[in-house]
Amino acid sequence: IAQWALAESDNVPLHQSIGMAILALAVVRL
């Protein structure tokens, strides 16, 4: 949800950071 909200914003670094956090969570979740 945060990624969706940030996708069109100017806060690209936060979007990228949350994306990598989701990747880490996906590894843990799997």
PDB file of all heavy atoms in Angstrom:
ATOM      1  N   ILE A   1       0.842  -1.200   0.000  1.00  0.00           N
ATOM      2  CA  ILE A   1       0.000   0.000   0.000  1.00  0.00           C
ATOM      3  C   ILE A   1       0.878   1.251   0.000  1.00  0.00           C
ATOM      4  O   ILE A   1       0.609   2.211  -0.736  1.00  0.00           O
ATOM      5  CB  ILE A   1      -0.969  -0.017   1.205  1.00  0.00           C
ATOM      6  CG1 ILE A   1      -2.019  -1.118   1.007  1.00  0.00           C
ATOM      7  CG2 ILE A   1      -1.634   1.348   1.393  1.00  0.00           C
ATOM      8  CD1 ILE A   1      -2.867  -1.400   2.239  1.00  0.00           C
ATOM      9  N   ALA A   2       1.934   1.241   0.794  1.00  0.00           N
ATOM     10  CA  ALA A   2       2.866   2.372   0.812  1.00  0.00           C
ATOM     11  C   ALA A   2       3.507   2.555  -0.566  1.00  0.00           C
ATOM     12  O   ALA A   2       3.656   3.693  -1.049  1.00  0.00           O
ATOM     13  CB  ALA A   2       3.935   2.170   1.881  1.00  0.00           C
ATOM     14  N   GLN A   3       3.877   1.453  -1.205  1.00  0.00           N
ATOM     15  CA  GLN A   3       4.484   1.529  -2.533  1.00  0.00           C
ATOM     16  C   GLN A   3       3.526   2.150  -3.545  1.00  0.00           C
ATOM     17  O   GLN A   3       3.924   2.943  -4.382  1.00  0.00           O
ATOM     18  CB  GLN A   3       4.928   0.145  -3.004  1.00  0.00           C
ATOM     19  CG  GLN A   3       6.115  -0.393  -2.260  1.00  0.00           C
ATOM     20  CD  GLN A   3       7.334   0.475  -2.446  1.00  0.00           C
ATOM     21  OE1 GLN A   3       7.455   1.563  -1.888  1.00  0.00           O
ATOM     22  NE2 GLN A   3       8.251   0.013  -3.258  1.00  0.00           N
ATOM     23  N   TRP A   4       2.270   1.751  -3.469  1.00  0.00           N
ATOM     24  CA  TRP A   4       1.271   2.306  -4.376  1.00  0.00           C
ATOM     25  C   TRP A   4       1.166   3.810  -4.167  1.00  0.00           C
ATOM     26  O   TRP A   4       1.123   4.577  -5.129  1.00  0.00           O
ATOM     27  CB  TRP A   4      -0.071   1.618  -4.144  1.00  0.00           C
ATOM     28  CG  TRP A   4      -1.183   2.204  -4.940  1.00  0.00           C
ATOM     29  CD1 TRP A   4      -1.389   2.053  -6.281  1.00  0.00           C
ATOM     30  CD2 TRP A   4      -2.222   3.055  -4.469  1.00  0.00           C
ATOM     31  NE1 TRP A   4      -2.512   2.762  -6.670  1.00  0.00           N
ATOM     32  CE2 TRP A   4      -3.035   3.376  -5.566  1.00  0.00           C
ATOM     33  CE3 TRP A   4      -2.544   3.561  -3.213  1.00  0.00           C
ATOM     34  CZ2 TRP A   4      -4.147   4.198  -5.447  1.00  0.00           C
ATOM     35  CZ3 TRP A   4      -3.653   4.368  -3.094  1.00  0.00           C
ATOM     36  CH2 TRP A   4      -4.439   4.678  -4.202  1.00  0.00           C
ATOM     37  N   ALA A   5       1.143   4.241  -2.908  1.00  0.00           N
ATOM     38  CA  ALA A   5       1.042   5.668  -2.601  1.00  0.00           C
ATOM     39  C   ALA A   5       2.291   6.431  -3.038  1.00  0.00           C
ATOM     40  O   ALA A   5       2.197   7.580  -3.475  1.00  0.00           O
ATOM     41  CB  ALA A   5       0.792   5.866  -1.109  1.00  0.00           C
ATOM     42  N   LEU A   6       3.441   5.794  -2.929  1.00  0.00           N
ATOM     43  CA  LEU A   6       4.707   6.452  -3.264  1.00  0.00           C
ATOM     44  C   LEU A   6       5.070   6.372  -4.746  1.00  0.00           C
ATOM     45  O   LEU A   6       5.947   7.110  -5.208  1.00  0.00           O
ATOM     46  CB  LEU A   6       5.850   5.829  -2.462  1.00  0.00           C
ATOM     47  CG  LEU A   6       5.903   6.154  -0.979  1.00  0.00           C
ATOM     48  CD1 LEU A   6       6.878   5.224  -0.275  1.00  0.00           C
ATOM     49  CD2 LEU A   6       6.299   7.611  -0.776  1.00  0.00           C
ATOM     50  N   ALA A   7       4.421   5.502  -5.492  1.00  0.00           N
ATOM     51  CA  ALA A   7       4.824   5.229  -6.878  1.00  0.00           C
ATOM     52  C   ALA A   7       4.875   6.482  -7.735  1.00  0.00           C
ATOM     53  O   ALA A   7       5.762   6.626  -8.577  1.00  0.00           O
ATOM     54  CB  ALA A   7       3.906   4.192  -7.501  1.00  0.00           C
ATOM     55  N   GLU A   8       3.937   7.376  -7.552  1.00  0.00           N
ATOM     56  CA  GLU A   8       3.898   8.585  -8.373  1.00  0.00           C
ATOM     57  C   GLU A   8       4.451   9.808  -7.646  1.00  0.00           C
ATOM     58  O   GLU A   8       4.351  10.919  -8.159  1.00  0.00           O
ATOM     59  CB  GLU A   8       2.457   8.846  -8.832  1.00  0.00           C
ATOM     60  CG  GLU A   8       1.863   7.721  -9.662  1.00  0.00           C
ATOM     61  CD  GLU A   8       2.663   7.416 -10.932  1.00  0.00           C
ATOM     62  OE1 GLU A   8       3.186   8.356 -11.560  1.00  0.00           O
ATOM     63  OE2 GLU A   8       2.772   6.229 -11.287  1.00  0.00           O
ATOM     64  N   SER A   9       5.026   9.616  -6.480  1.00  0.00           N
ATOM     65  CA  SER A   9       5.548  10.747  -5.715  1.00  0.00           C
ATOM     66  C   SER A   9       6.985  11.058  -6.144  1.00  0.00           C
ATOM     67  O   SER A   9       7.594  10.342  -6.937  1.00  0.00           O
ATOM     68  CB  SER A   9       5.510  10.442  -4.221  1.00  0.00           C
ATOM     69  OG  SER A   9       6.576   9.578  -3.882  1.00  0.00           O
ATOM     70  N   ASP A  10       7.496  12.119  -5.564  1.00  0.00           N
ATOM     71  CA  ASP A  10       8.887  12.484  -5.827  1.00  0.00           C
ATOM     72  C   ASP A  10       9.853  11.786  -4.877  1.00  0.00           C
ATOM     73  O   ASP A  10      11.053  11.977  -4.973  1.00  0.00           O
ATOM     74  CB  ASP A  10       9.060  14.010  -5.693  1.00  0.00           C
ATOM     75  CG  ASP A  10       8.377  14.758  -6.816  1.00  0.00           C
ATOM     76  OD1 ASP A  10       8.237  14.181  -7.917  1.00  0.00           O
ATOM     77  OD2 ASP A  10       7.978  15.917  -6.600  1.00  0.00           O
ATOM     78  N   ASN A  11       9.330  10.982  -3.969  1.00  0.00           N
ATOM     79  CA  ASN A  11      10.186  10.333  -2.983  1.00  0.00           C
ATOM     80  C   ASN A  11      10.647   8.961  -3.491  1.00  0.00           C
ATOM     81  O   ASN A  11      10.298   7.924  -2.934  1.00  0.00           O
ATOM     82  CB  ASN A  11       9.455  10.203  -1.645  1.00  0.00           C
ATOM     83  CG  ASN A  11      10.419   9.978  -0.506  1.00  0.00           C
ATOM     84  OD1 ASN A  11      11.545   9.532  -0.712  1.00  0.00           O
ATOM     85  ND2 ASN A  11       9.977  10.274   0.694  1.00  0.00           N
ATOM     86  N   VAL A  12      11.434   8.991  -4.536  1.00  0.00           N
ATOM     87  CA  VAL A  12      11.941   7.757  -5.141  1.00  0.00           C
ATOM     88  C   VAL A  12      12.808   6.959  -4.169  1.00  0.00           C
ATOM     89  O   VAL A  12      12.667   5.730  -4.080  1.00  0.00           O
ATOM     90  CB  VAL A  12      12.698   8.057  -6.454  1.00  0.00           C
ATOM     91  CG1 VAL A  12      13.357   6.808  -7.021  1.00  0.00           C
ATOM     92  CG2 VAL A  12      11.751   8.678  -7.462  1.00  0.00           C
ATOM     93  N   PRO A  13      13.698   7.609  -3.390  1.00  0.00           N
ATOM     94  CA  PRO A  13      14.518   6.809  -2.467  1.00  0.00           C
ATOM     95  C   PRO A  13      13.694   6.009  -1.457  1.00  0.00           C
ATOM     96  O   PRO A  13      14.026   4.856  -1.169  1.00  0.00           O
ATOM     97  CB  PRO A  13      15.383   7.857  -1.758  1.00  0.00           C
ATOM     98  CG  PRO A  13      15.459   8.990  -2.725  1.00  0.00           C
ATOM     99  CD  PRO A  13      14.117   9.014  -3.410  1.00  0.00           C
ATOM    100  N   LEU A  14      12.615   6.590  -0.938  1.00  0.00           N
ATOM    101  CA  LEU A  14      11.782   5.855   0.003  1.00  0.00           C
ATOM    102  C   LEU A  14      11.059   4.709  -0.705  1.00  0.00           C
ATOM    103  O   LEU A  14      10.951   3.599  -0.162  1.00  0.00           O
ATOM    104  CB  LEU A  14      10.777   6.786   0.689  1.00  0.00           C
ATOM    105  CG  LEU A  14       9.905   6.147   1.772  1.00  0.00           C
ATOM    106  CD1 LEU A  14      10.763   5.512   2.876  1.00  0.00           C
ATOM    107  CD2 LEU A  14       8.941   7.171   2.355  1.00  0.00           C
ATOM    108  N   HIS A  15      10.578   4.953  -1.922  1.00  0.00           N
ATOM    109  CA  HIS A  15       9.927   3.908  -2.716  1.00  0.00           C
ATOM    110  C   HIS A  15      10.891   2.743  -2.939  1.00  0.00           C
ATOM    111  O   HIS A  15      10.521   1.574  -2.765  1.00  0.00           O
ATOM    112  CB  HIS A  15       9.448   4.492  -4.052  1.00  0.00           C
ATOM    113  CG  HIS A  15       8.754   3.521  -4.938  1.00  0.00           C
ATOM    114  ND1 HIS A  15       7.443   3.146  -4.745  1.00  0.00           N
ATOM    115  CD2 HIS A  15       9.181   2.842  -6.033  1.00  0.00           C
ATOM    116  CE1 HIS A  15       7.095   2.283  -5.687  1.00  0.00           C
ATOM    117  NE2 HIS A  15       8.135   2.067  -6.481  1.00  0.00           N
ATOM    118  N   GLN A  16      12.121   3.059  -3.291  1.00  0.00           N
ATOM    119  CA  GLN A  16      13.126   2.014  -3.523  1.00  0.00           C
ATOM    120  C   GLN A  16      13.445   1.259  -2.236  1.00  0.00           C
ATOM    121  O   GLN A  16      13.558   0.030  -2.238  1.00  0.00           O
ATOM    122  CB  GLN A  16      14.398   2.631  -4.095  1.00  0.00           C
ATOM    123  CG  GLN A  16      14.216   3.197  -5.481  1.00  0.00           C
ATOM    124  CD  GLN A  16      15.418   4.014  -5.936  1.00  0.00           C
ATOM    125  OE1 GLN A  16      16.157   4.570  -5.124  1.00  0.00           O
ATOM    126  NE2 GLN A  16      15.601   4.085  -7.254  1.00  0.00           N
ATOM    127  N   SER A  17      13.572   1.982  -1.129  1.00  0.00           N
ATOM    128  CA  SER A  17      13.901   1.349   0.152  1.00  0.00           C
ATOM    129  C   SER A  17      12.798   0.415   0.610  1.00  0.00           C
ATOM    130  O   SER A  17      13.059  -0.710   1.057  1.00  0.00           O
ATOM    131  CB  SER A  17      14.158   2.424   1.219  1.00  0.00           C
ATOM    132  OG  SER A  17      15.307   3.173   0.900  1.00  0.00           O
ATOM    133  N   ILE A  18      11.552   0.865   0.503  1.00  0.00           N
ATOM    134  CA  ILE A  18      10.434   0.007   0.909  1.00  0.00           C
ATOM    135  C   ILE A  18      10.353  -1.213  -0.019  1.00  0.00           C
ATOM    136  O   ILE A  18      10.066  -2.316   0.434  1.00  0.00           O
ATOM    137  CB  ILE A  18       9.117   0.801   0.944  1.00  0.00           C
ATOM    138  CG1 ILE A  18       9.162   1.820   2.087  1.00  0.00           C
ATOM    139  CG2 ILE A  18       7.918  -0.141   1.113  1.00  0.00           C
ATOM    140  CD1 ILE A  18       7.987   2.773   2.123  1.00  0.00           C
ATOM    141  N   GLY A  19      10.643  -1.021  -1.297  1.00  0.00           N
ATOM    142  CA  GLY A  19      10.662  -2.150  -2.226  1.00  0.00           C
ATOM    143  C   GLY A  19      11.672  -3.209  -1.820  1.00  0.00           C
ATOM    144  O   GLY A  19      11.383  -4.414  -1.844  1.00  0.00           O
ATOM    145  N   MET A  20      12.852  -2.780  -1.404  1.00  0.00           N
ATOM    146  CA  MET A  20      13.869  -3.734  -0.967  1.00  0.00           C
ATOM    147  C   MET A  20      13.484  -4.370   0.375  1.00  0.00           C
ATOM    148  O   MET A  20      13.785  -5.541   0.626  1.00  0.00           O
ATOM    149  CB  MET A  20      15.239  -3.059  -0.872  1.00  0.00           C
ATOM    150  CG  MET A  20      15.813  -2.622  -2.220  1.00  0.00           C
ATOM    151  SD  MET A  20      16.038  -3.990  -3.398  1.00  0.00           S
ATOM    152  CE  MET A  20      14.567  -3.838  -4.403  1.00  0.00           C
ATOM    153  N   ALA A  21      12.783  -3.616   1.223  1.00  0.00           N
ATOM    154  CA  ALA A  21      12.290  -4.196   2.484  1.00  0.00           C
ATOM    155  C   ALA A  21      11.243  -5.270   2.184  1.00  0.00           C
ATOM    156  O   ALA A  21      11.226  -6.323   2.839  1.00  0.00           O
ATOM    157  CB  ALA A  21      11.697  -3.096   3.366  1.00  0.00           C
ATOM    158  N   ILE A  22      10.400  -5.029   1.186  1.00  0.00           N
ATOM    159  CA  ILE A  22       9.410  -6.033   0.792  1.00  0.00           C
ATOM    160  C   ILE A  22      10.113  -7.279   0.251  1.00  0.00           C
ATOM    161  O   ILE A  22       9.703  -8.406   0.539  1.00  0.00           O
ATOM    162  CB  ILE A  22       8.413  -5.460  -0.230  1.00  0.00           C
ATOM    163  CG1 ILE A  22       7.503  -4.433   0.458  1.00  0.00           C
ATOM    164  CG2 ILE A  22       7.578  -6.558  -0.881  1.00  0.00           C
ATOM    165  CD1 ILE A  22       6.613  -3.653  -0.496  1.00  0.00           C
ATOM    166  N   LEU A  23      11.186  -7.095  -0.506  1.00  0.00           N
ATOM    167  CA  LEU A  23      11.952  -8.239  -0.999  1.00  0.00           C
ATOM    168  C   LEU A  23      12.512  -9.052   0.173  1.00  0.00           C
ATOM    169  O   LEU A  23      12.420 -10.288   0.182  1.00  0.00           O
ATOM    170  CB  LEU A  23      13.080  -7.775  -1.925  1.00  0.00           C
ATOM    171  CG  LEU A  23      13.974  -8.868  -2.506  1.00  0.00           C
ATOM    172  CD1 LEU A  23      13.179  -9.857  -3.338  1.00  0.00           C
ATOM    173  CD2 LEU A  23      15.089  -8.234  -3.341  1.00  0.00           C
ATOM    174  N   ALA A  24      13.059  -8.371   1.174  1.00  0.00           N
ATOM    175  CA  ALA A  24      13.580  -9.069   2.359  1.00  0.00           C
ATOM    176  C   ALA A  24      12.453  -9.792   3.091  1.00  0.00           C
ATOM    177  O   ALA A  24      12.616 -10.946   3.514  1.00  0.00           O
ATOM    178  CB  ALA A  24      14.278  -8.075   3.289  1.00  0.00           C
ATOM    179  N   LEU A  25      11.300  -9.133   3.235  1.00  0.00           N
ATOM    180  CA  LEU A  25      10.149  -9.782   3.872  1.00  0.00           C
ATOM    181  C   LEU A  25       9.677 -10.994   3.073  1.00  0.00           C
ATOM    182  O   LEU A  25       9.256 -11.997   3.651  1.00  0.00           O
ATOM    183  CB  LEU A  25       8.996  -8.796   4.028  1.00  0.00           C
ATOM    184  CG  LEU A  25       9.110  -7.789   5.171  1.00  0.00           C
ATOM    185  CD1 LEU A  25       8.009  -6.738   5.059  1.00  0.00           C
ATOM    186  CD2 LEU A  25       9.047  -8.498   6.515  1.00  0.00           C
ATOM    187  N   ALA A  26       9.752 -10.904   1.744  1.00  0.00           N
ATOM    188  CA  ALA A  26       9.347 -12.029   0.899  1.00  0.00           C
ATOM    189  C   ALA A  26      10.251 -13.231   1.139  1.00  0.00           C
ATOM    190  O   ALA A  26       9.774 -14.375   1.193  1.00  0.00           O
ATOM    191  CB  ALA A  26       9.360 -11.626  -0.574  1.00  0.00           C
ATOM    192  N   VAL A  27      11.550 -12.989   1.303  1.00  0.00           N
ATOM    193  CA  VAL A  27      12.482 -14.083   1.600  1.00  0.00           C
ATOM    194  C   VAL A  27      12.129 -14.714   2.944  1.00  0.00           C
ATOM    195  O   VAL A  27      12.005 -15.943   3.057  1.00  0.00           O
ATOM    196  CB  VAL A  27      13.948 -13.580   1.603  1.00  0.00           C
ATOM    197  CG1 VAL A  27      14.899 -14.644   2.150  1.00  0.00           C
ATOM    198  CG2 VAL A  27      14.367 -13.153   0.204  1.00  0.00           C
ATOM    199  N   VAL A  28      11.928 -13.880   3.961  1.00  0.00           N
ATOM    200  CA  VAL A  28      11.573 -14.379   5.291  1.00  0.00           C
ATOM    201  C   VAL A  28      10.245 -15.124   5.233  1.00  0.00           C
ATOM    202  O   VAL A  28      10.094 -16.216   5.801  1.00  0.00           O
ATOM    203  CB  VAL A  28      11.511 -13.225   6.316  1.00  0.00           C
ATOM    204  CG1 VAL A  28      10.934 -13.684   7.647  1.00  0.00           C
ATOM    205  CG2 VAL A  28      12.890 -12.611   6.504  1.00  0.00           C
ATOM    206  N   ARG A  29       9.286 -14.542   4.525  1.00  0.00           N
ATOM    207  CA  ARG A  29       7.963 -15.149   4.432  1.00  0.00           C
ATOM    208  C   ARG A  29       8.018 -16.517   3.746  1.00  0.00           C
ATOM    209  O   ARG A  29       7.374 -17.466   4.180  1.00  0.00           O
ATOM    210  CB  ARG A  29       7.044 -14.200   3.672  1.00  0.00           C
ATOM    211  CG  ARG A  29       5.625 -14.584   3.748  1.00  0.00           C
ATOM    212  CD  ARG A  29       4.727 -13.529   3.180  1.00  0.00           C
ATOM    213  NE  ARG A  29       3.386 -14.091   3.146  1.00  0.00           N
ATOM    214  CZ  ARG A  29       2.335 -13.461   2.732  1.00  0.00           C
ATOM    215  NH1 ARG A  29       2.438 -12.231   2.318  1.00  0.00           N
ATOM    216  NH2 ARG A  29       1.168 -14.044   2.728  1.00  0.00           N
ATOM    217  N   LEU A  30       8.784 -16.616   2.664  1.00  0.00           N
ATOM    218  CA  LEU A  30       8.911 -17.890   1.965  1.00  0.00           C
ATOM    219  C   LEU A  30       9.597 -18.930   2.851  1.00  0.00           C
ATOM    220  O   LEU A  30       9.143 -20.079   2.933  1.00  0.00           O
ATOM    221  CB  LEU A  30       9.671 -17.709   0.653  1.00  0.00           C
ATOM    222  CG  LEU A  30       9.850 -18.968  -0.187  1.00  0.00           C
ATOM    223  CD1 LEU A  30       8.506 -19.560  -0.587  1.00  0.00           C
ATOM    224  CD2 LEU A  30      10.683 -18.671  -1.417  1.00  0.00           C
TER     225      LEU A  30
END
